[in-house]
């Protein structure tokens, strides 16, 4: 298998593992997500364990990455370079949080939930893709 095929295989395995983890943790259930975000109502804190697990895995992964010269199947790491907290970042975070709270999905679980065949999920993903397209067509080339 060549390097391109190996990258595709690793991406497929990583995506399937991520999707399985999302399903196992209950992240594909919008009602459970909304219950977690409803801190003034009938709050369901069980997703705190999911978040703690995700942060722990990311922490270890970043520590390992910093010791590596390059990724196993690519020539360099693709890391963000912007470090400023500006109005665009804050607006994006607010929109992301509002969409997550209203729809009960963030992008990963929404895509994984397409396999369930619910029309609400397809509507959410279509709106998400429209927002991404709108952003790409209006924000590319802007550096502020």
N, C-alpha and C. Protein backbone atom coordinates (compact mmCIF):
# COMPACT_ATOMS: atom_id res chain seq x y z
N UNK A 1 0.86 -1.18 0.00
CA UNK A 1 0.00 0.00 0.00
C UNK A 1 0.90 1.24 0.00
N UNK A 2 0.58 2.20 -0.88
CA UNK A 2 1.37 3.42 -0.94
C UNK A 2 0.95 4.40 0.17
N UNK A 3 1.68 5.53 0.28
CA UNK A 3 1.44 6.49 1.37
C UNK A 3 0.04 7.09 1.28
N UNK A 4 -0.43 7.38 0.07
CA UNK A 4 -1.78 7.95 -0.09
C UNK A 4 -2.84 6.96 0.38
N UNK A 5 -2.71 5.71 -0.01
CA UNK A 5 -3.65 4.68 0.44
C UNK A 5 -3.60 4.50 1.95
N UNK A 6 -2.40 4.56 2.53
CA UNK A 6 -2.27 4.42 3.98
C UNK A 6 -2.96 5.57 4.70
N UNK A 7 -2.82 6.80 4.16
CA UNK A 7 -3.49 7.96 4.78
C UNK A 7 -5.00 7.79 4.75
N UNK A 8 -5.52 7.33 3.61
CA UNK A 8 -6.97 7.12 3.50
C UNK A 8 -7.43 6.05 4.47
N UNK A 9 -6.69 4.96 4.57
CA UNK A 9 -7.06 3.88 5.49
C UNK A 9 -7.03 4.37 6.94
N UNK A 10 -6.00 5.12 7.31
CA UNK A 10 -5.90 5.64 8.69
C UNK A 10 -7.04 6.62 8.95
N UNK A 11 -7.35 7.48 7.96
CA UNK A 11 -8.46 8.43 8.14
C UNK A 11 -9.78 7.69 8.30
N UNK A 12 -9.98 6.62 7.54
CA UNK A 12 -11.21 5.83 7.65
C UNK A 12 -11.32 5.19 9.03
N UNK A 13 -10.24 4.59 9.50
CA UNK A 13 -10.26 3.94 10.82
C UNK A 13 -10.48 4.98 11.92
N UNK A 14 -9.80 6.13 11.80
CA UNK A 14 -9.98 7.19 12.81
C UNK A 14 -11.41 7.71 12.79
N UNK A 15 -11.99 7.90 11.61
CA UNK A 15 -13.36 8.39 11.51
C UNK A 15 -14.36 7.40 12.08
N UNK A 16 -14.16 6.12 11.77
CA UNK A 16 -15.06 5.09 12.31
C UNK A 16 -14.93 5.00 13.84
N UNK A 17 -13.71 5.10 14.34
CA UNK A 17 -13.50 5.06 15.79
C UNK A 17 -14.16 6.26 16.46
N UNK A 18 -14.00 7.44 15.85
CA UNK A 18 -14.62 8.66 16.38
C UNK A 18 -16.14 8.52 16.37
N UNK A 19 -16.71 8.06 15.26
CA UNK A 19 -18.16 7.89 15.18
C UNK A 19 -18.67 6.88 16.18
N UNK A 20 -17.93 5.77 16.36
CA UNK A 20 -18.33 4.77 17.36
C UNK A 20 -18.30 5.37 18.76
N UNK A 21 -17.26 6.16 19.04
CA UNK A 21 -17.16 6.81 20.35
C UNK A 21 -18.31 7.78 20.59
N UNK A 22 -18.68 8.53 19.55
CA UNK A 22 -19.80 9.46 19.68
C UNK A 22 -21.10 8.71 19.96
N UNK A 23 -21.31 7.60 19.25
CA UNK A 23 -22.54 6.82 19.46
C UNK A 23 -22.54 6.19 20.85
N UNK A 24 -21.42 5.64 21.24
CA UNK A 24 -21.32 4.97 22.55
C UNK A 24 -21.54 5.96 23.70
N UNK A 25 -21.09 7.19 23.54
CA UNK A 25 -21.19 8.17 24.62
C UNK A 25 -22.53 8.90 24.66
N UNK A 26 -23.39 8.67 23.67
CA UNK A 26 -24.69 9.33 23.66
C UNK A 26 -24.69 10.68 22.98
N UNK A 27 -23.59 11.03 22.30
CA UNK A 27 -23.50 12.33 21.65
C UNK A 27 -24.37 12.42 20.40
N UNK A 28 -24.97 11.30 19.94
CA UNK A 28 -25.84 11.34 18.76
C UNK A 28 -27.29 11.61 19.14
N UNK A 29 -27.57 11.74 20.44
CA UNK A 29 -28.92 11.99 20.91
C UNK A 29 -29.09 13.48 21.24
N UNK A 30 -29.78 14.23 20.37
CA UNK A 30 -29.92 15.67 20.60
C UNK A 30 -30.57 16.01 21.94
N UNK A 31 -31.50 15.18 22.40
CA UNK A 31 -32.17 15.46 23.68
C UNK A 31 -31.18 15.35 24.85
N UNK A 32 -30.27 14.42 24.73
CA UNK A 32 -29.26 14.28 25.79
C UNK A 32 -28.32 15.49 25.80
N UNK A 33 -27.97 15.98 24.63
CA UNK A 33 -27.11 17.17 24.53
C UNK A 33 -27.84 18.37 25.11
N UNK A 34 -29.09 18.54 24.73
CA UNK A 34 -29.85 19.68 25.23
C UNK A 34 -30.06 19.56 26.74
N UNK A 35 -30.20 18.34 27.25
CA UNK A 35 -30.29 18.14 28.69
C UNK A 35 -29.01 18.53 29.40
N UNK A 36 -27.89 18.29 28.75
CA UNK A 36 -26.60 18.69 29.32
C UNK A 36 -26.44 20.21 29.33
N UNK A 37 -26.93 20.86 28.28
CA UNK A 37 -26.78 22.32 28.17
C UNK A 37 -27.82 23.06 29.01
N UNK A 38 -28.86 22.40 29.47
CA UNK A 38 -29.93 23.05 30.23
C UNK A 38 -29.55 23.09 31.72
N UNK A 39 -28.61 23.95 32.05
CA UNK A 39 -28.10 23.98 33.43
C UNK A 39 -29.09 24.61 34.41
N UNK A 40 -30.09 25.34 33.91
CA UNK A 40 -31.09 25.95 34.80
C UNK A 40 -32.38 25.12 34.87
N UNK A 41 -32.42 24.00 34.14
CA UNK A 41 -33.61 23.16 34.13
C UNK A 41 -33.28 21.77 34.67
N UNK A 42 -33.68 20.75 33.91
CA UNK A 42 -33.43 19.37 34.29
C UNK A 42 -32.07 18.94 33.76
N UNK A 43 -31.02 19.40 34.43
CA UNK A 43 -29.65 19.24 33.94
C UNK A 43 -29.19 17.79 34.02
N UNK A 44 -28.59 17.28 32.92
CA UNK A 44 -28.02 15.94 32.86
C UNK A 44 -26.50 16.09 32.79
N UNK A 45 -25.78 15.92 33.91
CA UNK A 45 -24.33 16.15 33.90
C UNK A 45 -23.50 15.00 33.35
N UNK A 46 -24.13 13.93 32.87
CA UNK A 46 -23.36 12.73 32.49
C UNK A 46 -22.37 12.99 31.36
N UNK A 47 -22.63 13.98 30.53
CA UNK A 47 -21.69 14.24 29.43
C UNK A 47 -20.39 14.90 29.91
N UNK A 48 -20.34 15.28 31.18
CA UNK A 48 -19.09 15.81 31.73
C UNK A 48 -17.99 14.74 31.62
N UNK A 49 -18.36 13.46 31.77
CA UNK A 49 -17.38 12.38 31.65
C UNK A 49 -16.87 12.27 30.21
N UNK A 50 -17.77 12.48 29.26
CA UNK A 50 -17.37 12.46 27.84
C UNK A 50 -16.40 13.60 27.57
N UNK A 51 -16.74 14.80 28.06
CA UNK A 51 -15.85 15.94 27.84
C UNK A 51 -14.51 15.72 28.53
N UNK A 52 -14.54 15.20 29.76
CA UNK A 52 -13.29 14.92 30.47
C UNK A 52 -12.44 13.90 29.73
N UNK A 53 -13.07 12.87 29.20
CA UNK A 53 -12.34 11.88 28.43
C UNK A 53 -11.75 12.46 27.16
N UNK A 54 -12.51 13.32 26.49
CA UNK A 54 -12.02 13.94 25.26
C UNK A 54 -10.83 14.85 25.55
N UNK A 55 -10.93 15.64 26.61
CA UNK A 55 -9.82 16.54 26.96
C UNK A 55 -8.58 15.72 27.35
N UNK A 56 -8.77 14.62 28.06
CA UNK A 56 -7.64 13.78 28.46
C UNK A 56 -6.94 13.17 27.25
N UNK A 57 -7.72 12.65 26.32
CA UNK A 57 -7.13 12.05 25.11
C UNK A 57 -6.42 13.13 24.29
N UNK A 58 -7.04 14.30 24.16
CA UNK A 58 -6.40 15.39 23.40
C UNK A 58 -5.12 15.85 24.08
N UNK A 59 -5.12 15.92 25.39
CA UNK A 59 -3.92 16.33 26.13
C UNK A 59 -2.76 15.38 25.84
N UNK A 60 -3.03 14.09 25.93
CA UNK A 60 -1.98 13.10 25.67
C UNK A 60 -1.54 13.18 24.20
N UNK A 61 -2.50 13.32 23.29
CA UNK A 61 -2.17 13.41 21.87
C UNK A 61 -1.29 14.61 21.54
N UNK A 62 -1.60 15.75 22.13
CA UNK A 62 -0.79 16.95 21.87
C UNK A 62 0.62 16.76 22.45
N UNK A 63 0.73 16.15 23.61
CA UNK A 63 2.05 15.91 24.21
C UNK A 63 2.89 14.99 23.32
N UNK A 64 2.26 13.97 22.77
CA UNK A 64 2.97 13.05 21.87
C UNK A 64 3.35 13.77 20.58
N UNK A 65 2.41 14.57 20.04
CA UNK A 65 2.67 15.29 18.78
C UNK A 65 3.87 16.23 18.92
N UNK A 66 3.99 16.88 20.04
CA UNK A 66 5.10 17.84 20.24
C UNK A 66 6.46 17.16 20.23
N UNK A 67 6.50 15.87 20.48
CA UNK A 67 7.76 15.14 20.48
C UNK A 67 8.10 14.58 19.09
N UNK A 68 7.13 14.64 18.18
CA UNK A 68 7.32 14.07 16.85
C UNK A 68 7.86 15.12 15.88
N UNK A 69 8.66 14.69 14.93
CA UNK A 69 9.16 15.57 13.87
C UNK A 69 8.07 15.88 12.85
N UNK A 70 7.27 14.86 12.54
CA UNK A 70 6.19 14.99 11.56
C UNK A 70 5.18 13.88 11.80
N UNK A 71 3.97 13.99 11.23
CA UNK A 71 2.99 12.91 11.38
C UNK A 71 3.47 11.63 10.68
N UNK A 72 2.91 10.52 11.05
CA UNK A 72 3.31 9.23 10.48
C UNK A 72 3.01 9.13 8.99
N UNK A 73 1.94 9.79 8.52
CA UNK A 73 1.54 9.63 7.12
C UNK A 73 1.46 10.95 6.36
N UNK A 74 2.20 11.97 6.81
CA UNK A 74 2.21 13.25 6.11
C UNK A 74 3.56 13.92 6.36
N UNK A 75 3.82 15.00 5.61
CA UNK A 75 5.12 15.65 5.73
C UNK A 75 5.17 16.69 6.84
N UNK A 76 4.01 17.20 7.27
CA UNK A 76 3.99 18.20 8.34
C UNK A 76 2.63 18.19 9.03
N UNK A 77 2.62 18.72 10.25
CA UNK A 77 1.36 18.86 10.97
C UNK A 77 0.60 20.07 10.42
N UNK A 78 -0.71 20.00 10.38
CA UNK A 78 -1.55 21.11 9.92
C UNK A 78 -2.17 21.76 11.16
N UNK A 79 -1.48 22.73 11.72
CA UNK A 79 -1.93 23.37 12.96
C UNK A 79 -2.36 24.80 12.69
N UNK A 80 -3.35 25.30 13.44
CA UNK A 80 -3.75 26.70 13.26
C UNK A 80 -2.63 27.63 13.71
N UNK A 81 -2.53 28.77 13.03
CA UNK A 81 -1.48 29.73 13.37
C UNK A 81 -2.03 30.96 14.09
N UNK A 82 -3.33 31.22 13.97
CA UNK A 82 -3.92 32.40 14.62
C UNK A 82 -4.01 32.17 16.13
N UNK A 83 -3.64 33.18 16.88
CA UNK A 83 -3.69 33.07 18.34
C UNK A 83 -4.54 34.17 18.98
N UNK A 84 -5.00 35.13 18.17
CA UNK A 84 -5.75 36.26 18.72
C UNK A 84 -7.21 35.89 18.99
N UNK A 85 -7.72 36.40 20.09
CA UNK A 85 -9.15 36.28 20.39
C UNK A 85 -9.79 37.59 19.92
N UNK A 86 -10.46 37.54 18.78
CA UNK A 86 -11.04 38.75 18.21
C UNK A 86 -12.55 38.60 18.06
N UNK A 87 -13.18 39.62 17.50
CA UNK A 87 -14.64 39.61 17.38
C UNK A 87 -15.13 38.48 16.48
N UNK A 88 -14.39 38.17 15.43
CA UNK A 88 -14.80 37.07 14.53
C UNK A 88 -14.79 35.73 15.27
N UNK A 89 -13.78 35.52 16.10
CA UNK A 89 -13.71 34.27 16.87
C UNK A 89 -14.86 34.20 17.87
N UNK A 90 -15.12 35.29 18.55
CA UNK A 90 -16.20 35.31 19.54
C UNK A 90 -17.55 35.11 18.86
N UNK A 91 -17.78 35.79 17.74
CA UNK A 91 -19.04 35.62 17.01
C UNK A 91 -19.20 34.17 16.54
N UNK A 92 -18.13 33.59 16.03
CA UNK A 92 -18.19 32.20 15.59
C UNK A 92 -18.49 31.26 16.75
N UNK A 93 -17.89 31.51 17.91
CA UNK A 93 -18.14 30.67 19.08
C UNK A 93 -19.59 30.80 19.54
N UNK A 94 -20.13 32.01 19.50
CA UNK A 94 -21.52 32.23 19.90
C UNK A 94 -22.47 31.51 18.93
N UNK A 95 -22.20 31.63 17.63
CA UNK A 95 -23.05 30.95 16.64
C UNK A 95 -22.96 29.43 16.78
N UNK A 96 -21.75 28.93 17.01
CA UNK A 96 -21.56 27.50 17.20
C UNK A 96 -22.34 27.02 18.42
N UNK A 97 -22.21 27.73 19.54
CA UNK A 97 -22.92 27.35 20.76
C UNK A 97 -24.43 27.43 20.60
N UNK A 98 -24.91 28.47 19.92
CA UNK A 98 -26.35 28.60 19.70
C UNK A 98 -26.87 27.46 18.83
N UNK A 99 -26.13 27.14 17.77
CA UNK A 99 -26.53 26.04 16.90
C UNK A 99 -26.51 24.70 17.63
N UNK A 100 -25.51 24.52 18.49
CA UNK A 100 -25.40 23.28 19.26
C UNK A 100 -26.57 23.16 20.23
N UNK A 101 -26.89 24.26 20.90
CA UNK A 101 -27.98 24.24 21.86
C UNK A 101 -29.34 24.07 21.21
N UNK A 102 -29.56 24.75 20.09
CA UNK A 102 -30.86 24.67 19.42
C UNK A 102 -31.07 23.32 18.72
N UNK A 103 -30.02 22.86 18.03
CA UNK A 103 -30.16 21.63 17.26
C UNK A 103 -29.80 20.38 18.04
N UNK A 104 -29.00 20.54 19.10
CA UNK A 104 -28.56 19.38 19.86
C UNK A 104 -27.41 18.63 19.21
N UNK A 105 -26.81 19.23 18.18
CA UNK A 105 -25.69 18.61 17.48
C UNK A 105 -24.55 19.59 17.34
N UNK A 106 -23.33 19.07 17.36
CA UNK A 106 -22.20 19.80 16.81
C UNK A 106 -21.80 19.02 15.55
N UNK A 107 -20.86 19.51 14.75
CA UNK A 107 -20.64 18.91 13.43
C UNK A 107 -20.34 17.42 13.42
N UNK A 108 -19.47 16.94 14.27
CA UNK A 108 -19.11 15.51 14.26
C UNK A 108 -20.31 14.60 14.51
N UNK A 109 -21.01 14.80 15.62
CA UNK A 109 -22.19 13.97 15.86
C UNK A 109 -23.27 14.13 14.80
N UNK A 110 -23.40 15.32 14.21
CA UNK A 110 -24.41 15.51 13.17
C UNK A 110 -24.11 14.62 11.97
N UNK A 111 -22.86 14.61 11.53
CA UNK A 111 -22.49 13.77 10.38
C UNK A 111 -22.64 12.30 10.74
N UNK A 112 -22.21 11.92 11.96
CA UNK A 112 -22.36 10.52 12.37
C UNK A 112 -23.83 10.12 12.45
N UNK A 113 -24.70 11.07 12.81
CA UNK A 113 -26.13 10.77 12.95
C UNK A 113 -26.85 10.63 11.62
N UNK A 114 -26.21 11.01 10.53
CA UNK A 114 -26.86 10.81 9.22
C UNK A 114 -27.21 9.34 9.00
N UNK A 115 -26.43 8.46 9.62
CA UNK A 115 -26.69 7.02 9.45
C UNK A 115 -28.01 6.60 10.08
N UNK A 116 -28.58 7.43 10.96
CA UNK A 116 -29.85 7.11 11.59
C UNK A 116 -31.04 7.38 10.67
N UNK A 117 -30.82 8.23 9.63
CA UNK A 117 -31.85 8.48 8.64
C UNK A 117 -32.97 9.41 9.08
N UNK A 118 -32.76 10.20 10.11
CA UNK A 118 -33.80 11.12 10.58
C UNK A 118 -33.77 12.40 9.76
N UNK A 119 -34.96 12.90 9.35
CA UNK A 119 -35.00 14.09 8.49
C UNK A 119 -34.45 15.31 9.23
N UNK A 120 -34.60 15.38 10.56
CA UNK A 120 -34.09 16.51 11.32
C UNK A 120 -32.56 16.59 11.22
N UNK A 121 -31.93 15.44 11.22
CA UNK A 121 -30.47 15.41 11.10
C UNK A 121 -30.04 15.89 9.72
N UNK A 122 -30.75 15.44 8.70
CA UNK A 122 -30.41 15.87 7.33
C UNK A 122 -30.62 17.38 7.19
N UNK A 123 -31.67 17.91 7.80
CA UNK A 123 -31.91 19.36 7.77
C UNK A 123 -30.79 20.11 8.49
N UNK A 124 -30.38 19.61 9.64
CA UNK A 124 -29.30 20.25 10.39
C UNK A 124 -28.01 20.25 9.57
N UNK A 125 -27.65 19.10 8.98
CA UNK A 125 -26.41 19.01 8.20
C UNK A 125 -26.49 19.91 6.97
N UNK A 126 -27.64 19.99 6.33
CA UNK A 126 -27.78 20.89 5.17
C UNK A 126 -27.57 22.34 5.59
N UNK A 127 -28.16 22.74 6.73
CA UNK A 127 -27.97 24.10 7.22
C UNK A 127 -26.51 24.34 7.59
N UNK A 128 -25.88 23.34 8.19
CA UNK A 128 -24.47 23.47 8.56
C UNK A 128 -23.60 23.65 7.32
N UNK A 129 -23.85 22.85 6.28
CA UNK A 129 -23.06 22.96 5.04
C UNK A 129 -23.32 24.30 4.36
N UNK A 130 -24.57 24.80 4.42
CA UNK A 130 -24.86 26.12 3.84
C UNK A 130 -24.08 27.20 4.60
N UNK A 131 -24.02 27.09 5.92
CA UNK A 131 -23.25 28.06 6.71
C UNK A 131 -21.77 28.00 6.41
N UNK A 132 -21.23 26.79 6.26
CA UNK A 132 -19.81 26.65 5.93
C UNK A 132 -19.53 27.25 4.55
N UNK A 133 -20.41 26.98 3.59
CA UNK A 133 -20.23 27.52 2.24
C UNK A 133 -20.31 29.05 2.26
N UNK A 134 -21.29 29.58 2.98
CA UNK A 134 -21.42 31.05 3.09
C UNK A 134 -20.16 31.64 3.71
N UNK A 135 -19.66 31.02 4.75
CA UNK A 135 -18.43 31.51 5.38
C UNK A 135 -17.26 31.47 4.39
N UNK A 136 -17.09 30.36 3.71
CA UNK A 136 -15.97 30.22 2.78
C UNK A 136 -16.04 31.23 1.64
N UNK A 137 -17.23 31.53 1.18
CA UNK A 137 -17.38 32.47 0.06
C UNK A 137 -17.23 33.92 0.49
N UNK A 138 -17.45 34.22 1.76
CA UNK A 138 -17.38 35.61 2.22
C UNK A 138 -16.14 35.91 3.03
N UNK A 139 -15.50 34.92 3.63
CA UNK A 139 -14.39 35.19 4.54
C UNK A 139 -13.03 34.83 4.00
N UNK A 140 -12.94 34.11 2.88
CA UNK A 140 -11.64 33.73 2.34
C UNK A 140 -10.88 34.98 1.91
N UNK A 141 -9.65 35.02 2.31
CA UNK A 141 -8.81 36.16 1.95
C UNK A 141 -8.82 37.27 2.98
N UNK A 142 -9.75 37.22 3.93
CA UNK A 142 -9.77 38.23 4.99
C UNK A 142 -8.82 37.78 6.09
N UNK A 143 -7.92 38.63 6.48
CA UNK A 143 -6.96 38.24 7.50
C UNK A 143 -7.20 38.93 8.83
N UNK A 144 -8.21 39.82 8.91
CA UNK A 144 -8.42 40.51 10.18
C UNK A 144 -9.26 39.72 11.11
